């Protein structure tokens, strides 16, 4: 039934997306070209509504049970309303953040989705106490915005989200987590159906409706799959979401280095850097898909390593690889090359 529902969500998304495209033009939910945008013509947004409708169809067909389910669905409606309004009239950053915080509060306070403690190595335990609620909310809002930030090229956010969902669902199967597996597969089918229209050259954008919804759902599902676990396992969702998290992290570093406001837009995100290196639109998207798949594979390997030192070794290799890529493509700045400069100095000694 699970795989049949995934297929139904996939077909539903294929059938619903053209209808949403017509609706987007009718209500003015369109994206106009400017100096920061890659596209050259007016494009319909609101594609995330097709993902959401297909997701709801799958949810009511499969009816996965969990004490968290109702809160997640209520929160998703709030996120969708926020995204639709933003796609129509471009809400201020404060209003968008308010919608995200409200959705997160419902899931965390009403739904009880909280990381309350972390089991440390050597039989220790770290009780988060009063920090449990704010830290969980920060995670949900942070990942929601991280997915939104990578939505800069045709098919990029949808494809990366699909790879992340495959990883989360696969690991949920390994842990016999039926609810996370079901929700992940429903969302995966809905996103893949939409991706057929969104891959380059895109016929419709997912808009903030899609990016915020996918980010919200991924943040919650990753929490449910790995909550109240060991310190090592808590790193797994961070690795799975390596592409959006690292892009957001280095965007913050970049703005600090350049003395810019953290909310300042720029054209130095991962996809912008790859485009400047001469890769085509489609090549850039496929390269980032590959990066996301590598992060997903690394997360699976990391979770299966039996020793703490083995886990640290995998993590160290991953951090080293990220830093080299960041310096190579100029994600922080063209002059930011500490490791590469060190290797070059050692080479000529």
C-alpha atoms as a PDB file:
ATOM      1  CA  UNK A   1       0.000   0.000   0.000  1.00  0.00           C
ATOM      2  CA  UNK A   2       2.905   2.349   0.780  1.00  0.00           C
ATOM      3  CA  UNK A   3       4.433   2.098  -2.704  1.00  0.00           C
ATOM      4  CA  UNK A   4       1.009   2.337  -4.345  1.00  0.00           C
ATOM      5  CA  UNK A   5       0.344   5.561  -2.403  1.00  0.00           C
ATOM      6  CA  UNK A   6       3.725   6.936  -3.487  1.00  0.00           C
ATOM      7  CA  UNK A   7       2.737   6.248  -7.109  1.00  0.00           C
ATOM      8  CA  UNK A   8      -0.698   7.847  -6.623  1.00  0.00           C
ATOM      9  CA  UNK A   9       0.964  10.970  -5.149  1.00  0.00           C
ATOM     10  CA  UNK A  10       3.333  11.061  -8.123  1.00  0.00           C
ATOM     11  CA  UNK A  11       0.466  10.862 -10.650  1.00  0.00           C
ATOM     12  CA  UNK A  12      -1.659  13.325  -8.648  1.00  0.00           C
ATOM     13  CA  UNK A  13       1.156  15.860  -8.699  1.00  0.00           C
ATOM     14  CA  UNK A  14       1.556  15.447 -12.472  1.00  0.00           C
ATOM     15  CA  UNK A  15      -2.186  16.062 -12.966  1.00  0.00           C
ATOM     16  CA  UNK A  16      -2.580  18.907 -10.444  1.00  0.00           C
ATOM     17  CA  UNK A  17       0.500  20.990 -11.397  1.00  0.00           C
ATOM     18  CA  UNK A  18      -0.917  22.292 -14.741  1.00  0.00           C
ATOM     19  CA  UNK A  19      -4.071  23.411 -12.895  1.00  0.00           C
ATOM     20  CA  UNK A  20      -1.979  25.224 -10.293  1.00  0.00           C
ATOM     21  CA  UNK A  21       0.005  26.850 -13.105  1.00  0.00           C
ATOM     22  CA  UNK A  22      -3.223  28.336 -14.531  1.00  0.00           C
ATOM     23  CA  UNK A  23      -4.263  29.474 -11.045  1.00  0.00           C
ATOM     24  CA  UNK A  24      -0.887  31.180 -10.506  1.00  0.00           C
ATOM     25  CA  UNK A  25      -1.338  33.364 -13.600  1.00  0.00           C
ATOM     26  CA  UNK A  26      -4.965  34.079 -12.645  1.00  0.00           C
ATOM     27  CA  UNK A  27      -4.164  35.356  -9.125  1.00  0.00           C
ATOM     28  CA  UNK A  28      -0.897  37.065 -10.068  1.00  0.00           C
ATOM     29  CA  UNK A  29       1.458  34.623  -8.324  1.00  0.00           C
ATOM     30  CA  UNK A  30       4.249  35.171 -10.844  1.00  0.00           C
ATOM     31  CA  UNK A  31       7.989  35.779 -10.698  1.00  0.00           C
ATOM     32  CA  UNK A  32       9.376  38.656 -12.760  1.00  0.00           C
ATOM     33  CA  UNK A  33      13.016  38.705 -13.942  1.00  0.00           C
ATOM     34  CA  UNK A  34      15.525  41.002 -12.223  1.00  0.00           C
ATOM     35  CA  UNK A  35      19.283  41.278 -11.732  1.00  0.00           C
ATOM     36  CA  UNK A  36      19.282  38.543  -9.066  1.00  0.00           C
ATOM     37  CA  UNK A  37      17.148  36.041 -11.016  1.00  0.00           C
ATOM     38  CA  UNK A  38      18.427  33.537 -13.554  1.00  0.00           C
ATOM     39  CA  UNK A  39      15.210  33.313 -15.629  1.00  0.00           C
ATOM     40  CA  UNK A  40      14.496  35.817 -18.414  1.00  0.00           C
ATOM     41  CA  UNK A  41      10.667  35.811 -18.590  1.00  0.00           C
ATOM     42  CA  UNK A  42       7.665  36.011 -16.266  1.00  0.00           C
ATOM     43  CA  UNK A  43       7.165  32.609 -14.618  1.00  0.00           C
ATOM     44  CA  UNK A  44       4.249  31.212 -12.602  1.00  0.00           C
ATOM     45  CA  UNK A  45       5.036  30.488  -8.972  1.00  0.00           C
ATOM     46  CA  UNK A  46       2.797  28.622  -6.496  1.00  0.00           C
ATOM     47  CA  UNK A  47       3.964  25.174  -7.668  1.00  0.00           C
ATOM     48  CA  UNK A  48       4.298  24.108  -4.049  1.00  0.00           C
ATOM     49  CA  UNK A  49       0.509  24.098  -3.841  1.00  0.00           C
ATOM     50  CA  UNK A  50       0.470  21.124  -6.248  1.00  0.00           C
ATOM     51  CA  UNK A  51       2.980  19.313  -4.005  1.00  0.00           C
ATOM     52  CA  UNK A  52       0.809  20.056  -0.961  1.00  0.00           C
ATOM     53  CA  UNK A  53      -2.468  18.918  -2.582  1.00  0.00           C
ATOM     54  CA  UNK A  54      -0.835  15.668  -3.753  1.00  0.00           C
ATOM     55  CA  UNK A  55       0.662  15.192  -0.285  1.00  0.00           C
ATOM     56  CA  UNK A  56      -2.796  15.567   1.302  1.00  0.00           C
ATOM     57  CA  UNK A  57      -4.248  13.010  -1.130  1.00  0.00           C
ATOM     58  CA  UNK A  58      -1.556  10.522  -0.110  1.00  0.00           C
ATOM     59  CA  UNK A  59      -1.959  11.338   3.581  1.00  0.00           C
ATOM     60  CA  UNK A  60      -5.718  10.690   3.583  1.00  0.00           C
ATOM     61  CA  UNK A  61      -5.266   7.522   1.518  1.00  0.00           C
ATOM     62  CA  UNK A  62      -2.567   6.011   3.730  1.00  0.00           C
ATOM     63  CA  UNK A  63      -3.635   7.668   7.022  1.00  0.00           C
ATOM     64  CA  UNK A  64      -0.332   7.150   8.871  1.00  0.00           C
ATOM     65  CA  UNK A  65      -0.957   7.246  12.622  1.00  0.00           C
ATOM     66  CA  UNK A  66       1.150   9.171  15.126  1.00  0.00           C
ATOM     67  CA  UNK A  67       0.505  11.468  18.096  1.00  0.00           C
ATOM     68  CA  UNK A  68       2.357  14.121  16.077  1.00  0.00           C
ATOM     69  CA  UNK A  69       0.293  13.809  12.883  1.00  0.00           C
ATOM     70  CA  UNK A  70      -2.449  16.384  13.584  1.00  0.00           C
ATOM     71  CA  UNK A  71       0.015  19.072  14.699  1.00  0.00           C
ATOM     72  CA  UNK A  72       2.173  18.489  11.609  1.00  0.00           C
ATOM     73  CA  UNK A  73      -0.834  18.859   9.285  1.00  0.00           C
ATOM     74  CA  UNK A  74      -2.067  22.021  11.063  1.00  0.00           C
ATOM     75  CA  UNK A  75       1.440  23.500  10.881  1.00  0.00           C
ATOM     76  CA  UNK A  76       1.690  22.622   7.192  1.00  0.00           C
ATOM     77  CA  UNK A  77      -1.528  24.550   6.460  1.00  0.00           C
ATOM     78  CA  UNK A  78      -0.054  27.625   8.167  1.00  0.00           C
ATOM     79  CA  UNK A  79       3.139  27.285   6.128  1.00  0.00           C
ATOM     80  CA  UNK A  80       1.157  26.880   2.897  1.00  0.00           C
ATOM     81  CA  UNK A  81      -0.987  29.968   3.629  1.00  0.00           C
ATOM     82  CA  UNK A  82       2.198  31.957   4.341  1.00  0.00           C
ATOM     83  CA  UNK A  83       3.800  30.731   1.119  1.00  0.00           C
ATOM     84  CA  UNK A  84       0.738  31.376  -1.067  1.00  0.00           C
ATOM     85  CA  UNK A  85       0.390  34.933   0.254  1.00  0.00           C
ATOM     86  CA  UNK A  86       4.108  35.545  -0.321  1.00  0.00           C
ATOM     87  CA  UNK A  87       3.925  34.195  -3.886  1.00  0.00           C
ATOM     88  CA  UNK A  88       1.002  36.535  -4.545  1.00  0.00           C
ATOM     89  CA  UNK A  89       2.142  39.759  -2.869  1.00  0.00           C
ATOM     90  CA  UNK A  90       5.702  39.247  -1.509  1.00  0.00           C
ATOM     91  CA  UNK A  91       5.280  39.446   2.249  1.00  0.00           C
ATOM     92  CA  UNK A  92       7.831  41.216   4.430  1.00  0.00           C
ATOM     93  CA  UNK A  93      10.529  39.086   6.063  1.00  0.00           C
ATOM     94  CA  UNK A  94       8.924  39.638   9.499  1.00  0.00           C
ATOM     95  CA  UNK A  95       5.515  38.338   8.410  1.00  0.00           C
ATOM     96  CA  UNK A  96       7.075  35.289   6.697  1.00  0.00           C
ATOM     97  CA  UNK A  97       9.101  34.542   9.815  1.00  0.00           C
ATOM     98  CA  UNK A  98       5.976  34.926  11.971  1.00  0.00           C
ATOM     99  CA  UNK A  99       4.193  32.282   9.868  1.00  0.00           C
ATOM    100  CA  UNK A 100       7.157  29.916  10.204  1.00  0.00           C
ATOM    101  CA  UNK A 101       7.375  30.469  13.966  1.00  0.00           C
ATOM    102  CA  UNK A 102       3.645  29.835  14.406  1.00  0.00           C
ATOM    103  CA  UNK A 103       3.851  26.569  12.441  1.00  0.00           C
ATOM    104  CA  UNK A 104       6.908  25.505  14.463  1.00  0.00           C
ATOM    105  CA  UNK A 105       5.219  26.415  17.765  1.00  0.00           C
ATOM    106  CA  UNK A 106       2.185  24.270  16.928  1.00  0.00           C
ATOM    107  CA  UNK A 107       4.371  21.256  16.158  1.00  0.00           C
ATOM    108  CA  UNK A 108       6.656  21.745  19.151  1.00  0.00           C
ATOM    109  CA  UNK A 109       4.251  22.957  21.875  1.00  0.00           C
ATOM    110  CA  UNK A 110       0.920  21.428  20.804  1.00  0.00           C
ATOM    111  CA  UNK A 111       2.354  18.381  18.999  1.00  0.00           C
ATOM    112  CA  UNK A 112       5.170  17.690  21.455  1.00  0.00           C
ATOM    113  CA  UNK A 113       7.897  17.283  18.830  1.00  0.00           C
ATOM    114  CA  UNK A 114      10.902  18.162  20.985  1.00  0.00           C
ATOM    115  CA  UNK A 115      14.481  16.969  21.407  1.00  0.00           C
ATOM    116  CA  UNK A 116      14.419  16.790  25.213  1.00  0.00           C
ATOM    117  CA  UNK A 117      17.763  15.147  25.912  1.00  0.00           C
ATOM    118  CA  UNK A 118      20.884  13.842  24.197  1.00  0.00           C
ATOM    119  CA  UNK A 119      22.628  10.638  25.208  1.00  0.00           C
ATOM    120  CA  UNK A 120      26.336  11.440  25.394  1.00  0.00           C
ATOM    121  CA  UNK A 121      29.264   9.026  24.948  1.00  0.00           C
ATOM    122  CA  UNK A 122      30.374   7.014  27.986  1.00  0.00           C
ATOM    123  CA  UNK A 123      26.806   6.614  29.335  1.00  0.00           C
ATOM    124  CA  UNK A 124      26.291  10.336  29.947  1.00  0.00           C
ATOM    125  CA  UNK A 125      23.109  12.295  29.257  1.00  0.00           C
ATOM    126  CA  UNK A 126      22.503  15.968  28.525  1.00  0.00           C
ATOM    127  CA  UNK A 127      19.049  17.166  29.588  1.00  0.00           C
ATOM    128  CA  UNK A 128      18.057  20.178  27.489  1.00  0.00           C
ATOM    129  CA  UNK A 129      15.351  21.285  29.931  1.00  0.00           C
ATOM    130  CA  UNK A 130      13.990  24.757  29.147  1.00  0.00           C
ATOM    131  CA  UNK A 131      16.211  24.888  26.029  1.00  0.00           C
ATOM    132  CA  UNK A 132      14.322  21.976  24.443  1.00  0.00           C
ATOM    133  CA  UNK A 133      11.509  24.095  22.978  1.00  0.00           C
ATOM    134  CA  UNK A 134      13.589  27.042  21.637  1.00  0.00           C
ATOM    135  CA  UNK A 135      16.278  24.759  20.158  1.00  0.00           C
ATOM    136  CA  UNK A 136      13.671  22.616  18.390  1.00  0.00           C
ATOM    137  CA  UNK A 137      11.949  25.734  17.016  1.00  0.00           C
ATOM    138  CA  UNK A 138      15.300  27.104  15.804  1.00  0.00           C
ATOM    139  CA  UNK A 139      15.953  23.805  13.988  1.00  0.00           C
ATOM    140  CA  UNK A 140      12.555  23.840  12.231  1.00  0.00           C
ATOM    141  CA  UNK A 141      12.753  27.506  11.198  1.00  0.00           C
ATOM    142  CA  UNK A 142      16.428  27.198  10.227  1.00  0.00           C
ATOM    143  CA  UNK A 143      15.952  24.181   7.942  1.00  0.00           C
ATOM    144  CA  UNK A 144      12.788  25.704   6.463  1.00  0.00           C
ATOM    145  CA  UNK A 145      14.777  28.764   5.407  1.00  0.00           C
ATOM    146  CA  UNK A 146      17.778  26.712   4.287  1.00  0.00           C
ATOM    147  CA  UNK A 147      15.634  24.868   1.729  1.00  0.00           C
ATOM    148  CA  UNK A 148      14.152  28.213   0.674  1.00  0.00           C
ATOM    149  CA  UNK A 149      17.628  29.674   0.100  1.00  0.00           C
ATOM    150  CA  UNK A 150      18.714  26.950  -2.336  1.00  0.00           C
ATOM    151  CA  UNK A 151      15.604  27.456  -4.467  1.00  0.00           C
ATOM    152  CA  UNK A 152      17.534  29.474  -7.048  1.00  0.00           C
ATOM    153  CA  UNK A 153      17.624  27.288 -10.165  1.00  0.00           C
ATOM    154  CA  UNK A 154      15.097  25.167 -12.047  1.00  0.00           C
ATOM    155  CA  UNK A 155      14.578  21.883 -10.217  1.00  0.00           C
ATOM    156  CA  UNK A 156      17.221  22.555  -7.578  1.00  0.00           C
ATOM    157  CA  UNK A 157      15.164  22.687  -4.361  1.00  0.00           C
ATOM    158  CA  UNK A 158      12.756  19.965  -5.546  1.00  0.00           C
ATOM    159  CA  UNK A 159      15.593  17.622  -6.544  1.00  0.00           C
ATOM    160  CA  UNK A 160      17.700  18.183  -3.424  1.00  0.00           C
ATOM    161  CA  UNK A 161      14.593  17.777  -1.239  1.00  0.00           C
ATOM    162  CA  UNK A 162      13.778  14.501  -3.032  1.00  0.00           C
ATOM    163  CA  UNK A 163      17.279  13.144  -2.353  1.00  0.00           C
ATOM    164  CA  UNK A 164      16.994  14.212   1.301  1.00  0.00           C
ATOM    165  CA  UNK A 165      13.579  12.529   1.571  1.00  0.00           C
ATOM    166  CA  UNK A 166      14.945   9.311   0.040  1.00  0.00           C
ATOM    167  CA  UNK A 167      17.696   9.288   2.679  1.00  0.00           C
ATOM    168  CA  UNK A 168      15.366  10.090   5.596  1.00  0.00           C
ATOM    169  CA  UNK A 169      12.800   7.494   4.459  1.00  0.00           C
ATOM    170  CA  UNK A 170      15.488   4.871   3.845  1.00  0.00           C
ATOM    171  CA  UNK A 171      16.965   5.339   7.314  1.00  0.00           C
ATOM    172  CA  UNK A 172      13.448   5.321   8.816  1.00  0.00           C
ATOM    173  CA  UNK A 173      12.916   1.900   7.180  1.00  0.00           C
ATOM    174  CA  UNK A 174      16.165   0.713   8.794  1.00  0.00           C
ATOM    175  CA  UNK A 175      14.860   1.920  12.185  1.00  0.00           C
ATOM    176  CA  UNK A 176      11.347   0.481  11.619  1.00  0.00           C
ATOM    177  CA  UNK A 177       9.797   3.939  11.921  1.00  0.00           C
ATOM    178  CA  UNK A 178       6.546   3.433   9.988  1.00  0.00           C
ATOM    179  CA  UNK A 179       5.218   6.994  10.399  1.00  0.00           C
ATOM    180  CA  UNK A 180       8.356   8.801   9.146  1.00  0.00           C
ATOM    181  CA  UNK A 181       8.693   6.281   6.302  1.00  0.00           C
ATOM    182  CA  UNK A 182       5.071   6.832   5.249  1.00  0.00           C
ATOM    183  CA  UNK A 183       5.207  10.636   5.449  1.00  0.00           C
ATOM    184  CA  UNK A 184       8.563  10.695   3.650  1.00  0.00           C
ATOM    185  CA  UNK A 185       7.332   8.520   0.781  1.00  0.00           C
ATOM    186  CA  UNK A 186       4.094  10.509   0.373  1.00  0.00           C
ATOM    187  CA  UNK A 187       6.070  13.748   0.189  1.00  0.00           C
ATOM    188  CA  UNK A 188       8.665  12.181  -2.132  1.00  0.00           C
ATOM    189  CA  UNK A 189       6.062  11.051  -4.676  1.00  0.00           C
ATOM    190  CA  UNK A 190       4.406  14.486  -4.643  1.00  0.00           C
ATOM    191  CA  UNK A 191       7.733  16.279  -5.136  1.00  0.00           C
ATOM    192  CA  UNK A 192       8.946  14.006  -7.948  1.00  0.00           C
ATOM    193  CA  UNK A 193       5.708  14.533  -9.888  1.00  0.00           C
ATOM    194  CA  UNK A 194       6.162  18.290  -9.631  1.00  0.00           C
ATOM    195  CA  UNK A 195       9.851  18.002 -10.612  1.00  0.00           C
ATOM    196  CA  UNK A 196       8.810  16.868 -14.105  1.00  0.00           C
ATOM    197  CA  UNK A 197       7.506  20.422 -14.686  1.00  0.00           C
ATOM    198  CA  UNK A 198      10.172  22.162 -12.611  1.00  0.00           C
ATOM    199  CA  UNK A 199      13.391  20.691 -14.054  1.00  0.00           C
ATOM    200  CA  UNK A 200      15.281  22.914 -16.502  1.00  0.00           C
ATOM    201  CA  UNK A 201      13.741  24.486 -18.502  1.00  0.00           C
ATOM    202  CA  UNK A 202      11.050  24.926 -15.853  1.00  0.00           C
ATOM    203  CA  UNK A 203       7.407  25.474 -16.770  1.00  0.00           C
ATOM    204  CA  UNK A 204       6.528  26.532 -13.206  1.00  0.00           C
ATOM    205  CA  UNK A 205       8.400  27.473 -10.013  1.00  0.00           C
ATOM    206  CA  UNK A 206       7.539  25.988  -6.622  1.00  0.00           C
ATOM    207  CA  UNK A 207       7.721  29.471  -5.109  1.00  0.00           C
ATOM    208  CA  UNK A 208       7.848  30.078  -1.370  1.00  0.00           C
ATOM    209  CA  UNK A 209       4.722  27.898  -1.116  1.00  0.00           C
ATOM    210  CA  UNK A 210       6.821  24.873  -2.079  1.00  0.00           C
ATOM    211  CA  UNK A 211      10.193  25.794  -0.613  1.00  0.00           C
ATOM    212  CA  UNK A 212       8.757  26.650   2.824  1.00  0.00           C
ATOM    213  CA  UNK A 213       6.500  23.578   2.853  1.00  0.00           C
ATOM    214  CA  UNK A 214       9.294  21.187   1.863  1.00  0.00           C
ATOM    215  CA  UNK A 215      11.691  22.795   4.336  1.00  0.00           C
ATOM    216  CA  UNK A 216       9.126  22.610   7.128  1.00  0.00           C
ATOM    217  CA  UNK A 217       8.242  18.963   6.473  1.00  0.00           C
ATOM    218  CA  UNK A 218      11.863  17.873   6.076  1.00  0.00           C
ATOM    219  CA  UNK A 219      12.865  19.650   9.312  1.00  0.00           C
ATOM    220  CA  UNK A 220      10.069  17.927  11.270  1.00  0.00           C
ATOM    221  CA  UNK A 221      10.568  14.463   9.735  1.00  0.00           C
ATOM    222  CA  UNK A 222      14.325  14.597  10.360  1.00  0.00           C
ATOM    223  CA  UNK A 223      13.616  15.466  14.006  1.00  0.00           C
ATOM    224  CA  UNK A 224      11.116  12.632  14.416  1.00  0.00           C
ATOM    225  CA  UNK A 225      13.539  10.146  12.900  1.00  0.00           C
ATOM    226  CA  UNK A 226      16.442  11.048  15.156  1.00  0.00           C
ATOM    227  CA  UNK A 227      15.028  12.631  18.350  1.00  0.00           C
ATOM    228  CA  UNK A 228      16.304  11.655  21.799  1.00  0.00           C
ATOM    229  CA  UNK A 229      19.261   9.725  20.429  1.00  0.00           C
ATOM    230  CA  UNK A 230      23.000   9.717  20.964  1.00  0.00           C
ATOM    231  CA  UNK A 231      25.197  12.727  20.314  1.00  0.00           C
ATOM    232  CA  UNK A 232      26.683  10.929  17.319  1.00  0.00           C
ATOM    233  CA  UNK A 233      23.287  10.041  15.826  1.00  0.00           C
ATOM    234  CA  UNK A 234      22.031  13.591  16.357  1.00  0.00           C
ATOM    235  CA  UNK A 235      24.569  14.659  13.721  1.00  0.00           C
ATOM    236  CA  UNK A 236      22.928  12.376  11.116  1.00  0.00           C
ATOM    237  CA  UNK A 237      20.127  14.800  10.074  1.00  0.00           C
ATOM    238  CA  UNK A 238      22.716  17.585   9.845  1.00  0.00           C
ATOM    239  CA  UNK A 239      24.739  15.465   7.397  1.00  0.00           C
ATOM    240  CA  UNK A 240      21.621  14.490   5.405  1.00  0.00           C
ATOM    241  CA  UNK A 241      20.813  18.196   5.005  1.00  0.00           C
ATOM    242  CA  UNK A 242      24.453  19.033   4.285  1.00  0.00           C
ATOM    243  CA  UNK A 243      23.850  20.964   1.039  1.00  0.00           C
ATOM    244  CA  UNK A 244      21.239  23.472   2.281  1.00  0.00           C
ATOM    245  CA  UNK A 245      22.845  23.781   5.738  1.00  0.00           C
ATOM    246  CA  UNK A 246      26.367  24.412   4.415  1.00  0.00           C
ATOM    247  CA  UNK A 247      25.104  26.866   1.787  1.00  0.00           C
ATOM    248  CA  UNK A 248      23.229  28.796   4.498  1.00  0.00           C
ATOM    249  CA  UNK A 249      26.155  28.612   6.937  1.00  0.00           C
ATOM    250  CA  UNK A 250      28.664  29.980   4.447  1.00  0.00           C
ATOM    251  CA  UNK A 251      26.194  32.650   3.321  1.00  0.00           C
ATOM    252  CA  UNK A 252      26.183  33.889   6.940  1.00  0.00           C
ATOM    253  CA  UNK A 253      30.001  33.751   7.085  1.00  0.00           C
ATOM    254  CA  UNK A 254      30.214  35.581   3.752  1.00  0.00           C
ATOM    255  CA  UNK A 255      28.007  38.417   4.966  1.00  0.00           C
ATOM    256  CA  UNK A 256      29.908  38.718   8.246  1.00  0.00           C
ATOM    257  CA  UNK A 257      33.224  38.883   6.376  1.00  0.00           C
ATOM    258  CA  UNK A 258      31.850  41.561   4.024  1.00  0.00           C
ATOM    259  CA  UNK A 259      30.114  43.492   6.851  1.00  0.00           C
ATOM    260  CA  UNK A 260      26.710  43.017   5.238  1.00  0.00           C
ATOM    261  CA  UNK A 261      23.357  42.458   6.996  1.00  0.00           C
ATOM    262  CA  UNK A 262      22.582  38.747   7.436  1.00  0.00           C
ATOM    263  CA  UNK A 263      19.349  39.206   5.475  1.00  0.00           C
ATOM    264  CA  UNK A 264      21.092  40.908   2.543  1.00  0.00           C
ATOM    265  CA  UNK A 265      20.478  39.070  -0.776  1.00  0.00           C
ATOM    266  CA  UNK A 266      23.435  38.231  -2.987  1.00  0.00           C
ATOM    267  CA  UNK A 267      24.474  36.120  -5.984  1.00  0.00           C
ATOM    268  CA  UNK A 268      27.150  34.080  -4.231  1.00  0.00           C
ATOM    269  CA  UNK A 269      25.230  30.987  -3.197  1.00  0.00           C
ATOM    270  CA  UNK A 270      26.473  27.533  -4.216  1.00  0.00           C
ATOM    271  CA  UNK A 271      24.575  27.491  -7.512  1.00  0.00           C
ATOM    272  CA  UNK A 272      25.742  31.027  -8.392  1.00  0.00           C
ATOM    273  CA  UNK A 273      29.386  30.036  -7.803  1.00  0.00           C
ATOM    274  CA  UNK A 274      29.085  26.952 -10.027  1.00  0.00           C
ATOM    275  CA  UNK A 275      27.445  28.998 -12.790  1.00  0.00           C
ATOM    276  CA  UNK A 276      30.322  31.512 -12.631  1.00  0.00           C
ATOM    277  CA  UNK A 277      32.795  28.658 -13.048  1.00  0.00           C
ATOM    278  CA  UNK A 278      31.237  28.004 -16.454  1.00  0.00           C
ATOM    279  CA  UNK A 279      28.849  25.133 -15.760  1.00  0.00           C
ATOM    280  CA  UNK A 280      25.507  25.253 -17.536  1.00  0.00           C
ATOM    281  CA  UNK A 281      22.205  25.609 -15.692  1.00  0.00           C
ATOM    282  CA  UNK A 282      21.466  21.888 -15.963  1.00  0.00           C
ATOM    283  CA  UNK A 283      25.055  20.828 -15.135  1.00  0.00           C
ATOM    284  CA  UNK A 284      25.023  23.001 -12.009  1.00  0.00           C
ATOM    285  CA  UNK A 285      21.781  21.422 -10.793  1.00  0.00           C
ATOM    286  CA  UNK A 286      23.070  17.893 -11.467  1.00  0.00           C
ATOM    287  CA  UNK A 287      26.363  18.634  -9.653  1.00  0.00           C
ATOM    288  CA  UNK A 288      24.421  19.799  -6.577  1.00  0.00           C
ATOM    289  CA  UNK A 289      22.204  16.698  -6.824  1.00  0.00           C
ATOM    290  CA  UNK A 290      25.408  14.661  -6.733  1.00  0.00           C
ATOM    291  CA  UNK A 291      26.648  16.568  -3.679  1.00  0.00           C
ATOM    292  CA  UNK A 292      23.341  15.968  -1.904  1.00  0.00           C
ATOM    293  CA  UNK A 293      23.489  12.251  -2.737  1.00  0.00           C
ATOM    294  CA  UNK A 294      27.043  12.066  -1.330  1.00  0.00           C
ATOM    295  CA  UNK A 295      25.857  13.708   1.893  1.00  0.00           C
ATOM    296  CA  UNK A 296      23.016  11.189   2.080  1.00  0.00           C
ATOM    297  CA  UNK A 297      25.407   8.271   1.582  1.00  0.00           C
ATOM    298  CA  UNK A 298      27.786   9.751   4.167  1.00  0.00           C
ATOM    299  CA  UNK A 299      24.904   9.963   6.665  1.00  0.00           C
ATOM    300  CA  UNK A 300      24.084   6.273   6.163  1.00  0.00           C
ATOM    301  CA  UNK A 301      27.769   5.277   6.575  1.00  0.00           C
ATOM    302  CA  UNK A 302      28.086   7.549   9.615  1.00  0.00           C
ATOM    303  CA  UNK A 303      25.041   5.964  11.275  1.00  0.00           C
ATOM    304  CA  UNK A 304      26.389   2.434  10.702  1.00  0.00           C
ATOM    305  CA  UNK A 305      29.900   3.000  12.091  1.00  0.00           C
ATOM    306  CA  UNK A 306      30.200   1.070  15.354  1.00  0.00           C
ATOM    307  CA  UNK A 307      32.972   3.025  17.099  1.00  0.00           C
ATOM    308  CA  UNK A 308      33.123   6.640  18.224  1.00  0.00           C
ATOM    309  CA  UNK A 309      36.533   7.147  16.619  1.00  0.00           C
ATOM    310  CA  UNK A 310      35.210   5.786  13.355  1.00  0.00           C
ATOM    311  CA  UNK A 311      32.336   8.285  13.497  1.00  0.00           C
ATOM    312  CA  UNK A 312      34.759  11.138  14.172  1.00  0.00           C
ATOM    313  CA  UNK A 313      36.926  10.020  11.236  1.00  0.00           C
ATOM    314  CA  UNK A 314      33.951  10.045   8.820  1.00  0.00           C
ATOM    315  CA  UNK A 315      32.927  13.463  10.136  1.00  0.00           C
ATOM    316  CA  UNK A 316      36.468  14.861   9.823  1.00  0.00           C
ATOM    317  CA  UNK A 317      36.758  13.650   6.201  1.00  0.00           C
ATOM    318  CA  UNK A 318      33.387  15.213   5.396  1.00  0.00           C
ATOM    319  CA  UNK A 319      34.295  18.593   6.959  1.00  0.00           C
ATOM    320  CA  UNK A 320      37.650  18.590   5.162  1.00  0.00           C
ATOM    321  CA  UNK A 321      35.959  17.868   1.806  1.00  0.00           C
ATOM    322  CA  UNK A 322      33.395  20.654   2.380  1.00  0.00           C
ATOM    323  CA  UNK A 323      36.130  23.184   3.177  1.00  0.00           C
ATOM    324  CA  UNK A 324      38.107  22.293   0.037  1.00  0.00           C
ATOM    325  CA  UNK A 325      35.008  22.652  -2.171  1.00  0.00           C
ATOM    326  CA  UNK A 326      34.104  25.969  -0.502  1.00  0.00           C
ATOM    327  CA  UNK A 327      37.580  27.348  -1.212  1.00  0.00           C
ATOM    328  CA  UNK A 328      37.692  25.970  -4.759  1.00  0.00           C
ATOM    329  CA  UNK A 329      34.418  27.563  -5.858  1.00  0.00           C
ATOM    330  CA  UNK A 330      34.750  30.759  -3.806  1.00  0.00           C
ATOM    331  CA  UNK A 331      31.626  30.278  -1.690  1.00  0.00           C
ATOM    332  CA  UNK A 332      32.841  32.686   1.012  1.00  0.00           C
ATOM    333  CA  UNK A 333      35.046  34.887  -1.164  1.00  0.00           C
ATOM    334  CA  UNK A 334      37.488  34.457  -4.046  1.00  0.00           C
ATOM    335  CA  UNK A 335      40.365  35.311  -1.709  1.00  0.00           C
ATOM    336  CA  UNK A 336      39.269  32.884   1.021  1.00  0.00           C
ATOM    337  CA  UNK A 337      41.656  29.926   0.464  1.00  0.00           C
ATOM    338  CA  UNK A 338      43.411  29.051   3.778  1.00  0.00           C
ATOM    339  CA  UNK A 339      43.772  25.303   3.180  1.00  0.00           C
ATOM    340  CA  UNK A 340      44.571  25.605  -0.529  1.00  0.00           C
ATOM    341  CA  UNK A 341      47.173  28.295   0.197  1.00  0.00           C
ATOM    342  CA  UNK A 342      48.702  26.087   2.897  1.00  0.00           C
ATOM    343  CA  UNK A 343      48.909  23.115   0.501  1.00  0.00           C
ATOM    344  CA  UNK A 344      50.422  25.350  -2.158  1.00  0.00           C
ATOM    345  CA  UNK A 345      53.041  26.647   0.299  1.00  0.00           C
ATOM    346  CA  UNK A 346      53.944  23.116   1.366  1.00  0.00           C
ATOM    347  CA  UNK A 347      54.182  22.023  -2.267  1.00  0.00           C
ATOM    348  CA  UNK A 348      56.829  24.632  -3.111  1.00  0.00           C
ATOM    349  CA  UNK A 349      58.922  24.147   0.041  1.00  0.00           C
END
